[in-house]
Amino acid sequence: MTSLKGDQGTARALNRRLILNEIRRNGPTSRARLAEQTGLSPAAITFVTTELLQEGLLVEKGERRPIPLDIHYSGHFVLGLKLMEDRLEAVLTDLSTQILSRITLDLPDHQPETVALYAAQAQKELCEQSGVATENLRGIGMGLPGVIDARSGMCLSSGRFGWKNIPIARMISEQVRLPVWVDNDVNAFAVAERLFGRGKSVSNFVVVTVGRAIGAAVVLEGKLYRGRNGGAGEFGHTLSEYRGRKCECGRLGCLEAYASERSILRHFQEISPRHHNIQIEGLIRQVERRNERILNILEDAGSRLGRNLADMANLLNPDLIILGGEGVRLGEAFFEPMQAAFRERAFDCVADELPIVIDDWGDDAWARGAAGLAAEHFFDFELQPSETAPASNP
């Protein structure tokens, strides 16, 4: 039987989360309005908000009554890390994931021990740049490609880095002496969208990213769906063509083998011998010059993405689809065929008025999304860090 003390602790945590998320979604809110919106009694609102004010999680805005309460975003700081093949991108943000400082560190290799050491270096340099004291840094979020067990902070598999069962959260936490949250990079981006982006006003949405690879994250009833062991969202490895082009994963016909930036670039190099050394920046210039070969490749790739995206929408019936990743720079030559194929294949009542939003992708988007993993725990008191380092010996 659950003790009364345990019941009271659970109720307290739930009420705190309810109030913080109400303010996060709607902005500064009076105590009376909070009572109306949450269904909590005025006494409960007063008790919980007083506690949150004392802890510095809320602030009063202005002096005119009724005094609205807001999240004290600028009083708390988190770090976001995005692990790339040859570098570590890092940002220091406030609680709303607004970036205060940024740094990119070139990696000599991507061995887990190296990554943990460079994470500690990034933390030190970002705190120095921003003037944020280390003790005011509340935690670190890290995003990386692969199957991640977010609860344990274990990278179960990352083909890009050759990692298997790597306790990367613990390894970083031992270096920085801070709580660390680790997840798949697309999941991290979706968390930030759910907290502070386009997803904060809807309950069910899908994020799809197109870049070197193709990934997806699914938010259902306001919660990120990770699947049995963190592997949900491998959208790039859904089938596009039976026995088709070979994918980086070793299988044939994956969507990623046709519609990722890497595959589009490789295809163009194959059919245009004089461009066999072209890189993505040069490919974008060929798109701008309306090169017929690359436009045909983009039409095919975009159409394939649209068809697979329609299958996902038919299955999940989301409120919103958000497209992000470096691939947004491919522009209308890629996304117009995608939209057309999506509308053609999606079931009528699913496609009707379903917004597909293309994100204004920036260089810091991945790392900022990772910062959202650390910021998220302020709004979900049941969410424990993947790893917290033990206290230092005196």
Protein backbone atom coordinates (compact mmCIF):
# COMPACT_ATOMS: atom_id res chain seq x y z
CA MET A 1 0.00 0.00 0.00
CA THR A 2 1.34 3.46 -0.92
CA SER A 3 2.00 5.64 2.08
CA LEU A 4 0.20 8.92 2.65
CA LYS A 5 3.57 10.64 2.54
CA GLY A 6 4.23 9.08 -0.85
CA ASP A 7 0.80 10.14 -2.09
CA GLN A 8 1.42 13.68 -0.92
CA GLY A 9 4.81 13.76 -2.63
CA THR A 10 3.29 12.53 -5.89
CA ALA A 11 0.48 15.09 -5.72
CA ARG A 12 3.00 17.85 -5.03
CA ALA A 13 5.13 16.85 -8.04
CA LEU A 14 2.09 16.61 -10.30
CA ASN A 15 0.81 20.03 -9.21
CA ARG A 16 4.22 21.62 -9.77
CA ARG A 17 4.42 20.11 -13.24
CA LEU A 18 0.86 21.15 -14.05
CA ILE A 19 1.48 24.79 -13.10
CA LEU A 20 4.88 25.08 -14.79
CA ASN A 21 3.61 23.60 -18.04
CA GLU A 22 0.52 25.80 -18.04
CA ILE A 23 2.74 28.88 -17.80
CA ARG A 24 5.20 27.47 -20.36
CA ARG A 25 2.42 27.00 -22.92
CA ASN A 26 0.54 30.25 -22.32
CA GLY A 27 3.11 32.71 -21.01
CA PRO A 28 2.73 34.95 -17.92
CA THR A 29 -0.41 33.92 -16.01
CA SER A 30 -2.09 35.17 -12.85
CA ARG A 31 -2.76 32.87 -9.91
CA ALA A 32 -6.52 33.19 -10.44
CA ARG A 33 -6.14 32.21 -14.09
CA LEU A 34 -3.96 29.26 -13.12
CA ALA A 35 -6.71 28.01 -10.81
CA GLU A 36 -9.24 28.26 -13.66
CA GLN A 37 -6.99 26.54 -16.19
CA THR A 38 -5.66 23.74 -14.00
CA GLY A 39 -8.68 23.02 -11.82
CA LEU A 40 -6.55 23.31 -8.67
CA SER A 41 -7.95 25.16 -5.67
CA PRO A 42 -6.74 28.74 -5.00
CA ALA A 43 -5.09 27.43 -1.80
CA ALA A 44 -3.17 24.78 -3.75
CA ILE A 45 -2.12 27.36 -6.35
CA THR A 46 -0.86 29.69 -3.62
CA PHE A 47 1.06 26.91 -1.86
CA VAL A 48 2.76 25.56 -4.98
CA THR A 49 3.55 28.92 -6.60
CA THR A 50 5.03 30.23 -3.34
CA GLU A 51 7.30 27.21 -3.28
CA LEU A 52 8.29 27.69 -6.93
CA LEU A 53 8.99 31.39 -6.34
CA GLN A 54 11.20 30.58 -3.38
CA GLU A 55 13.12 28.05 -5.48
CA GLY A 56 13.65 30.60 -8.24
CA LEU A 57 11.70 28.64 -10.84
CA LEU A 58 9.01 31.34 -11.13
CA VAL A 59 9.15 35.13 -11.07
CA GLU A 60 6.45 37.77 -10.69
CA LYS A 61 6.09 40.05 -13.71
CA GLY A 62 5.32 43.65 -12.78
CA GLU A 63 3.41 45.07 -9.83
CA ARG A 64 -0.06 45.60 -11.24
CA ARG A 65 -2.61 43.20 -9.76
CA PRO A 66 -3.38 40.48 -10.50
CA ILE A 67 0.39 39.93 -10.75
CA PRO A 68 1.20 37.41 -13.50
CA LEU A 69 3.75 34.66 -12.89
CA ASP A 70 6.29 33.53 -15.46
CA ILE A 71 9.03 30.92 -15.72
CA HIS A 72 12.38 32.31 -14.57
CA TYR A 73 14.03 31.33 -17.84
CA SER A 74 17.04 33.61 -17.48
CA GLY A 75 17.88 32.31 -14.01
CA HIS A 76 18.76 28.78 -15.10
CA PHE A 77 21.23 27.50 -17.66
CA VAL A 78 21.81 24.25 -19.54
CA LEU A 79 24.29 22.92 -22.05
CA GLY A 80 23.43 21.24 -25.35
CA LEU A 81 25.85 18.96 -27.22
CA LYS A 82 25.50 17.52 -30.71
CA LEU A 83 27.99 14.83 -31.69
CA MET A 84 29.00 14.97 -35.35
CA GLU A 85 31.42 12.71 -37.22
CA ASP A 86 34.38 15.05 -36.88
CA ARG A 87 33.35 17.63 -34.30
CA LEU A 88 31.33 18.41 -31.20
CA GLU A 89 28.89 21.30 -31.49
CA ALA A 90 27.92 22.85 -28.16
CA VAL A 91 25.70 25.68 -26.95
CA LEU A 92 24.95 27.19 -23.56
CA THR A 93 21.34 28.34 -23.25
CA ASP A 94 18.87 29.64 -20.72
CA LEU A 95 15.93 27.51 -19.67
CA SER A 96 13.99 28.49 -22.82
CA THR A 97 16.90 27.19 -24.96
CA GLN A 98 17.80 30.71 -26.08
CA ILE A 99 21.48 30.50 -26.99
CA LEU A 100 23.90 32.59 -24.94
CA SER A 101 27.17 31.19 -26.27
CA ARG A 102 28.31 28.54 -28.74
CA ILE A 103 31.43 26.62 -29.60
CA THR A 104 32.56 23.93 -32.05
CA LEU A 105 35.41 21.61 -31.11
CA ASP A 106 37.15 19.48 -33.73
CA LEU A 107 37.50 15.88 -32.57
CA PRO A 108 40.68 13.86 -33.21
CA ASP A 109 38.48 10.74 -33.16
CA HIS A 110 35.03 9.75 -31.92
CA GLN A 111 36.03 7.26 -29.27
CA PRO A 112 33.66 7.57 -26.29
CA GLU A 113 36.49 8.58 -23.94
CA THR A 114 37.50 11.37 -26.32
CA VAL A 115 33.92 12.60 -26.61
CA ALA A 116 33.55 12.73 -22.80
CA LEU A 117 36.77 14.73 -22.42
CA TYR A 118 35.78 17.20 -25.14
CA ALA A 119 32.32 17.58 -23.57
CA ALA A 120 34.02 18.72 -20.37
CA GLN A 121 36.19 21.11 -22.36
CA ALA A 122 33.12 22.55 -24.09
CA GLN A 123 31.41 23.08 -20.75
CA LYS A 124 34.43 24.93 -19.36
CA GLU A 125 34.87 27.18 -22.40
CA LEU A 126 31.17 28.00 -22.74
CA CYS A 127 30.89 28.99 -19.07
CA GLU A 128 33.93 31.24 -19.48
CA GLN A 129 32.51 32.83 -22.65
CA SER A 130 29.10 33.52 -21.17
CA GLY A 131 30.10 34.40 -17.63
CA VAL A 132 27.81 31.69 -16.25
CA ALA A 133 29.23 30.10 -13.12
CA THR A 134 29.58 26.34 -13.31
CA GLU A 135 27.40 25.93 -10.23
CA ASN A 136 24.54 27.67 -12.08
CA LEU A 137 24.64 25.12 -14.90
CA ARG A 138 21.77 22.73 -14.19
CA GLY A 139 22.62 19.93 -16.55
CA ILE A 140 23.69 18.79 -19.99
CA GLY A 141 21.73 17.32 -22.88
CA MET A 142 23.38 15.43 -25.71
CA GLY A 143 21.99 14.31 -29.05
CA LEU A 144 23.62 11.78 -31.35
CA PRO A 145 22.50 9.49 -34.16
CA GLY A 146 21.63 5.93 -33.26
CA VAL A 147 19.46 3.90 -30.93
CA ILE A 148 19.68 5.42 -27.46
CA ASP A 149 18.21 4.13 -24.21
CA ALA A 150 17.34 7.54 -22.79
CA ARG A 151 16.57 6.17 -19.32
CA SER A 152 20.03 4.73 -18.79
CA GLY A 153 21.96 7.09 -21.06
CA MET A 154 23.28 4.12 -22.98
CA CYS A 155 24.03 4.26 -26.70
CA LEU A 156 22.82 0.82 -27.73
CA SER A 157 23.95 1.22 -31.31
CA SER A 158 25.34 3.97 -33.53
CA GLY A 159 26.54 2.74 -36.89
CA ARG A 160 28.02 6.12 -37.71
CA PHE A 161 30.45 5.93 -34.77
CA GLY A 162 30.74 2.18 -34.43
CA TRP A 163 29.37 2.32 -30.88
CA LYS A 164 27.62 -0.59 -29.16
CA ASN A 165 26.33 -0.44 -25.59
CA ILE A 166 28.33 2.67 -24.64
CA PRO A 167 27.33 4.32 -21.32
CA ILE A 168 28.05 7.75 -22.74
CA ALA A 169 25.90 9.69 -20.24
CA ARG A 170 27.80 8.23 -17.30
CA MET A 171 31.14 8.87 -19.00
CA ILE A 172 30.31 12.54 -19.58
CA SER A 173 28.80 12.99 -16.13
CA GLU A 174 31.99 11.69 -14.51
CA GLN A 175 33.92 14.41 -16.33
CA VAL A 176 31.57 17.37 -15.74
CA ARG A 177 30.03 16.39 -12.36
CA LEU A 178 26.57 17.34 -13.61
CA PRO A 179 23.35 15.52 -14.54
CA VAL A 180 23.41 14.37 -18.16
CA TRP A 181 20.50 13.48 -20.45
CA VAL A 182 21.25 11.66 -23.72
CA ASP A 183 18.91 10.79 -26.57
CA ASN A 184 18.75 10.32 -30.31
CA ASP A 185 19.41 13.66 -32.01
CA VAL A 186 16.02 13.83 -33.75
CA ASN A 187 14.26 13.03 -30.47
CA ALA A 188 16.18 15.86 -28.83
CA PHE A 189 15.05 18.27 -31.55
CA ALA A 190 11.44 17.13 -31.06
CA VAL A 191 11.69 17.71 -27.29
CA ALA A 192 12.72 21.32 -27.90
CA GLU A 193 9.85 21.75 -30.37
CA ARG A 194 7.42 20.31 -27.82
CA LEU A 195 8.62 22.60 -25.06
CA PHE A 196 9.12 25.91 -26.84
CA GLY A 197 8.49 25.51 -30.56
CA ARG A 198 5.62 24.79 -32.89
CA GLY A 199 4.70 21.63 -31.02
CA LYS A 200 3.88 23.25 -27.68
CA SER A 201 0.26 23.96 -28.64
CA VAL A 202 -0.58 20.49 -30.03
CA SER A 203 -0.66 17.02 -28.48
CA ASN A 204 0.33 14.87 -31.44
CA PHE A 205 3.01 15.75 -33.95
CA VAL A 206 5.81 14.27 -36.00
CA VAL A 207 9.26 15.70 -36.64
CA VAL A 208 11.16 14.52 -39.72
CA THR A 209 14.73 15.60 -40.40
CA VAL A 210 16.52 15.34 -43.72
CA GLY A 211 20.28 15.73 -43.86
CA ARG A 212 23.12 13.26 -44.05
CA ALA A 213 20.46 10.77 -42.95
CA ILE A 214 16.69 10.80 -42.50
CA GLY A 215 15.14 10.45 -39.08
CA ALA A 216 11.85 11.02 -37.31
CA ALA A 217 10.48 11.58 -33.84
CA VAL A 218 6.90 11.04 -32.76
CA VAL A 219 5.09 12.90 -29.98
CA LEU A 220 1.81 11.28 -28.90
CA GLU A 221 -0.51 12.85 -26.32
CA GLY A 222 2.26 15.28 -25.41
CA LYS A 223 4.90 12.61 -24.77
CA LEU A 224 7.83 11.57 -26.92
CA TYR A 225 7.35 8.00 -28.11
CA ARG A 226 10.69 6.15 -27.96
CA GLY A 227 9.51 2.57 -28.45
CA ARG A 228 10.70 -0.51 -26.61
CA ASN A 229 14.38 0.41 -26.36
CA GLY A 230 14.70 3.84 -27.92
CA GLY A 231 14.63 2.72 -31.54
CA ALA A 232 11.37 4.40 -32.62
CA GLY A 233 11.67 6.87 -35.47
CA GLU A 234 14.03 5.11 -37.89
CA PHE A 235 11.96 6.60 -40.70
CA GLY A 236 14.88 6.65 -43.14
CA HIS A 237 14.91 2.86 -43.09
CA THR A 238 11.32 2.39 -44.14
CA LEU A 239 10.97 0.90 -47.61
CA SER A 240 10.93 3.16 -50.66
CA GLU A 241 11.69 0.62 -53.39
CA TYR A 242 11.77 -3.17 -53.18
CA ARG A 243 15.31 -4.42 -53.81
CA GLY A 244 16.36 -0.90 -54.69
CA ARG A 245 19.53 1.10 -54.04
CA LYS A 246 21.79 -0.08 -51.25
CA CYS A 247 21.47 1.94 -48.04
CA GLU A 248 24.28 2.80 -45.66
CA CYS A 249 22.67 0.35 -43.21
CA GLY A 250 23.34 -2.50 -45.67
CA ARG A 251 19.71 -3.09 -46.65
CA LEU A 252 18.19 -2.43 -50.04
CA GLY A 253 15.59 0.18 -50.98
CA CYS A 254 15.50 2.30 -47.82
CA LEU A 255 14.07 5.81 -48.14
CA GLU A 256 17.40 7.18 -46.93
CA ALA A 257 19.15 5.64 -49.95
CA TYR A 258 17.12 7.96 -52.19
CA ALA A 259 16.14 11.09 -50.26
CA SER A 260 18.95 11.97 -47.84
CA GLU A 261 21.36 14.74 -48.83
CA ARG A 262 24.18 12.20 -48.96
CA SER A 263 22.27 9.95 -51.37
CA ILE A 264 21.09 12.83 -53.55
CA LEU A 265 24.67 14.08 -53.84
CA ARG A 266 26.00 10.62 -54.66
CA HIS A 267 23.32 10.06 -57.31
CA PHE A 268 24.16 13.37 -58.99
CA GLN A 269 27.87 12.52 -58.97
CA GLU A 270 27.09 9.19 -60.65
CA ILE A 271 24.99 10.57 -63.53
CA SER A 272 27.02 13.75 -64.08
CA PRO A 273 30.67 12.66 -64.44
CA ARG A 274 32.00 16.20 -64.69
CA HIS A 275 30.57 16.84 -61.22
CA HIS A 276 32.06 13.69 -59.65
CA ASN A 277 33.85 15.76 -56.97
CA ILE A 278 31.01 18.16 -56.26
CA GLN A 279 30.02 18.73 -52.62
CA ILE A 280 26.68 19.81 -51.18
CA GLU A 281 27.36 23.55 -51.52
CA GLY A 282 28.11 23.10 -55.21
CA LEU A 283 25.00 20.97 -55.61
CA ILE A 284 22.89 23.77 -54.14
CA ARG A 285 24.37 26.14 -56.73
CA GLN A 286 23.37 23.70 -59.47
CA VAL A 287 19.83 23.73 -58.09
CA GLU A 288 19.83 27.53 -58.22
CA ARG A 289 21.04 27.36 -61.84
CA ARG A 290 18.17 24.96 -62.63
CA ASN A 291 20.42 22.09 -63.69
CA GLU A 292 17.96 19.61 -65.22
CA ARG A 293 19.69 16.49 -63.90
CA ILE A 294 19.70 17.60 -60.28
CA LEU A 295 16.14 18.90 -60.56
CA ASN A 296 15.00 15.46 -61.76
CA ILE A 297 16.82 13.78 -58.88
CA LEU A 298 15.23 16.17 -56.37
CA GLU A 299 11.77 15.61 -57.86
CA ASP A 300 12.16 11.85 -57.45
CA ALA A 301 13.65 12.14 -53.94
CA GLY A 302 11.02 14.60 -52.77
CA SER A 303 8.21 12.44 -54.14
CA ARG A 304 9.58 9.39 -52.34
CA LEU A 305 9.75 11.33 -49.08
CA GLY A 306 6.17 12.56 -49.57
CA ARG A 307 4.82 9.05 -50.13
CA ASN A 308 6.50 7.63 -47.03
CA LEU A 309 5.43 10.65 -45.03
CA ALA A 310 1.84 10.04 -46.13
CA ASP A 311 2.06 6.46 -44.89
CA MET A 312 3.19 7.76 -41.51
CA ALA A 313 0.37 10.31 -41.42
CA ASN A 314 -2.17 7.62 -42.36
CA LEU A 315 -0.92 5.52 -39.46
CA LEU A 316 -0.65 8.24 -36.77
CA ASN A 317 -3.09 11.00 -37.84
CA PRO A 318 -0.97 13.79 -36.28
CA ASP A 319 -1.96 17.41 -35.68
CA LEU A 320 1.24 18.70 -37.26
CA ILE A 321 4.31 17.60 -39.23
CA ILE A 322 7.55 19.55 -38.79
CA LEU A 323 10.37 19.14 -41.32
CA GLY A 324 13.90 20.11 -40.34
CA GLY A 325 17.52 19.21 -40.89
CA GLU A 326 20.18 20.51 -43.22
CA GLY A 327 18.09 19.29 -46.17
CA VAL A 328 15.75 22.26 -45.88
CA ARG A 329 18.32 24.13 -47.99
CA LEU A 330 17.32 21.97 -50.98
CA GLY A 331 14.33 24.29 -51.30
CA GLU A 332 11.18 24.10 -53.36
CA ALA A 333 12.71 21.78 -55.99
CA PHE A 334 12.66 19.11 -53.27
CA PHE A 335 9.71 20.11 -51.11
CA GLU A 336 7.10 20.90 -53.77
CA PRO A 337 7.22 17.33 -55.18
CA MET A 338 7.14 16.08 -51.59
CA GLN A 339 3.96 18.05 -50.84
CA ALA A 340 2.30 16.89 -54.07
CA ALA A 341 3.10 13.23 -53.43
CA PHE A 342 1.95 13.54 -49.84
CA ARG A 343 -1.43 15.02 -50.79
CA GLU A 344 -1.91 12.38 -53.47
CA ARG A 345 -1.21 9.44 -51.16
CA ALA A 346 -2.49 10.57 -47.77
CA PHE A 347 -5.99 9.45 -46.83
CA ASP A 348 -8.48 12.30 -47.36
CA CYS A 349 -9.54 12.92 -43.78
CA VAL A 350 -5.91 12.67 -42.64
CA ALA A 351 -4.48 15.08 -45.19
CA ASP A 352 -7.26 17.64 -44.87
CA GLU A 353 -5.87 20.78 -43.22
CA LEU A 354 -2.82 18.92 -41.87
CA PRO A 355 -0.05 21.54 -41.68
CA ILE A 356 3.41 20.53 -42.87
CA VAL A 357 5.83 23.15 -41.61
CA ILE A 358 9.39 23.51 -42.90
CA ASP A 359 11.68 24.69 -40.11
CA ASP A 360 14.02 27.65 -40.53
CA TRP A 361 17.01 25.43 -39.86
CA GLY A 362 20.09 27.06 -38.37
CA ASP A 363 23.59 25.82 -37.66
CA ASP A 364 22.82 25.54 -33.93
CA ALA A 365 19.52 23.69 -34.28
CA TRP A 366 20.85 20.25 -33.32
CA ALA A 367 22.74 21.47 -30.25
CA ARG A 368 19.86 23.70 -29.18
CA GLY A 369 17.56 20.70 -29.40
CA ALA A 370 19.95 18.77 -27.16
CA ALA A 371 19.77 21.59 -24.61
CA GLY A 372 16.03 20.92 -24.53
CA LEU A 373 16.75 17.48 -23.04
CA ALA A 374 18.24 19.17 -19.97
CA ALA A 375 15.62 21.94 -19.86
CA GLU A 376 12.81 19.38 -20.02
CA HIS A 377 13.37 18.13 -16.47
CA PHE A 378 12.20 21.48 -15.08
CA PHE A 379 8.78 20.70 -16.52
CA ASP A 380 8.65 16.97 -15.79
CA PHE A 381 9.64 16.06 -12.25
CA GLU A 382 9.31 12.34 -13.04
CA LEU A 383 12.09 12.61 -15.62
CA GLN A 384 15.38 11.50 -14.09
CA PRO A 385 18.75 12.27 -15.67
CA SER A 386 20.33 9.52 -17.72
CA GLU A 387 23.27 9.80 -15.37
CA THR A 388 24.28 11.93 -12.42
CA ALA A 389 27.84 11.87 -11.20
CA PRO A 390 28.39 11.13 -7.51
CA ALA A 391 29.32 14.02 -5.30
CA SER A 392 33.00 14.89 -5.21
CA ASN A 393 34.96 13.77 -2.18
CA PRO A 394 35.77 16.60 0.24
